[in-house]
Protein backbone atom coordinates (compact mmCIF):
# COMPACT_ATOMS: atom_id res chain seq x y z
CA UNK A 1 -99.21 54.20 -99.37
CA UNK A 2 -100.90 57.12 -100.80
CA UNK A 3 -99.99 60.65 -101.72
CA UNK A 4 -102.04 63.91 -102.67
CA UNK A 5 -102.08 65.25 -106.16
CA UNK A 6 -103.06 68.86 -107.02
CA UNK A 7 -104.39 69.85 -110.26
CA UNK A 8 -106.59 72.75 -111.42
CA UNK A 9 -110.28 72.12 -111.50
CA UNK A 10 -111.66 73.58 -114.81
CA UNK A 11 -115.07 72.83 -113.75
CA UNK A 12 -115.37 75.53 -111.21
CA UNK A 13 -115.37 79.34 -111.16
CA UNK A 14 -113.54 80.88 -109.74
CA UNK A 15 -110.40 78.82 -110.59
CA UNK A 16 -109.47 76.54 -107.79
CA UNK A 17 -107.25 73.72 -107.17
CA UNK A 18 -108.77 70.12 -106.50
CA UNK A 19 -106.69 67.58 -104.45
CA UNK A 20 -106.93 63.83 -105.30
CA UNK A 21 -105.66 60.80 -103.52
CA UNK A 22 -103.26 58.57 -105.47
CA UNK A 23 -101.48 55.47 -104.69
CA UNK A 24 -97.66 55.90 -104.54
CA UNK A 25 -97.25 52.73 -106.76
CA UNK A 26 -99.53 53.78 -109.59
CA UNK A 27 -99.94 57.64 -109.93
CA UNK A 28 -101.65 57.34 -113.29
CA UNK A 29 -105.20 57.69 -111.78
CA UNK A 30 -106.71 58.82 -108.41
CA UNK A 31 -108.88 56.73 -106.05
CA UNK A 32 -111.92 58.23 -107.63
CA UNK A 33 -110.84 56.81 -111.12
CA UNK A 34 -110.01 60.05 -112.74
CA UNK A 35 -106.90 59.78 -115.01
CA UNK A 36 -104.20 62.33 -114.03
CA UNK A 37 -102.27 63.99 -116.49
CA UNK A 38 -98.68 64.95 -115.19
CA UNK A 39 -98.62 68.06 -117.36
CA UNK A 40 -101.81 69.27 -115.35
CA UNK A 41 -100.42 68.59 -111.83
CA UNK A 42 -99.99 71.72 -109.60
CA UNK A 43 -97.05 72.12 -107.12
CA UNK A 44 -98.04 74.27 -104.39
CA UNK A 45 -95.69 76.93 -103.13
CA UNK A 46 -94.92 76.32 -99.61
CA UNK A 47 -93.78 79.68 -98.71
CA UNK A 48 -97.21 81.39 -98.71
CA UNK A 49 -96.01 84.09 -101.15
CA UNK A 50 -98.21 83.05 -104.11
CA UNK A 51 -101.70 84.19 -104.73
CA UNK A 52 -103.36 80.97 -103.73
CA UNK A 53 -106.75 80.34 -104.81
CA UNK A 54 -109.08 77.97 -102.76
CA UNK A 55 -108.15 74.40 -102.22
CA UNK A 56 -110.86 71.75 -102.69
CA UNK A 57 -110.71 67.99 -101.93
CA UNK A 58 -112.12 65.18 -104.04
CA UNK A 59 -114.80 63.72 -102.07
CA UNK A 60 -115.00 60.42 -103.81
CA UNK A 61 -111.25 59.98 -103.26
CA UNK A 62 -111.55 60.85 -99.43
CA UNK A 63 -114.36 58.33 -99.15
CA UNK A 64 -112.36 55.63 -100.62
CA UNK A 65 -109.60 56.32 -97.97
CA UNK A 66 -111.90 56.45 -95.04
CA UNK A 67 -113.45 53.20 -96.11
CA UNK A 68 -110.04 51.50 -96.37
CA UNK A 69 -108.85 52.91 -92.92
CA UNK A 70 -112.27 51.51 -91.33
CA UNK A 71 -111.66 48.13 -92.83
CA UNK A 72 -108.10 47.98 -91.75
CA UNK A 73 -109.04 48.95 -88.27
CA UNK A 74 -111.43 45.89 -87.83
């Protein structure tokens, strides 16, 4: 089972949040291999009141999920 992990992406301007996919049983790294630091995790505000920047999704993480789903569908 997987979950999404949001963190600030320092590599883009203006600042954005990037979403990675992590396995629930091991949230120390994402499916793309990036080491995830718990102190860098962003918890999105669900009420829409915050000034949210643009969200981005990690393409390598999503490719890995897509490949896993395709393999399990065979």
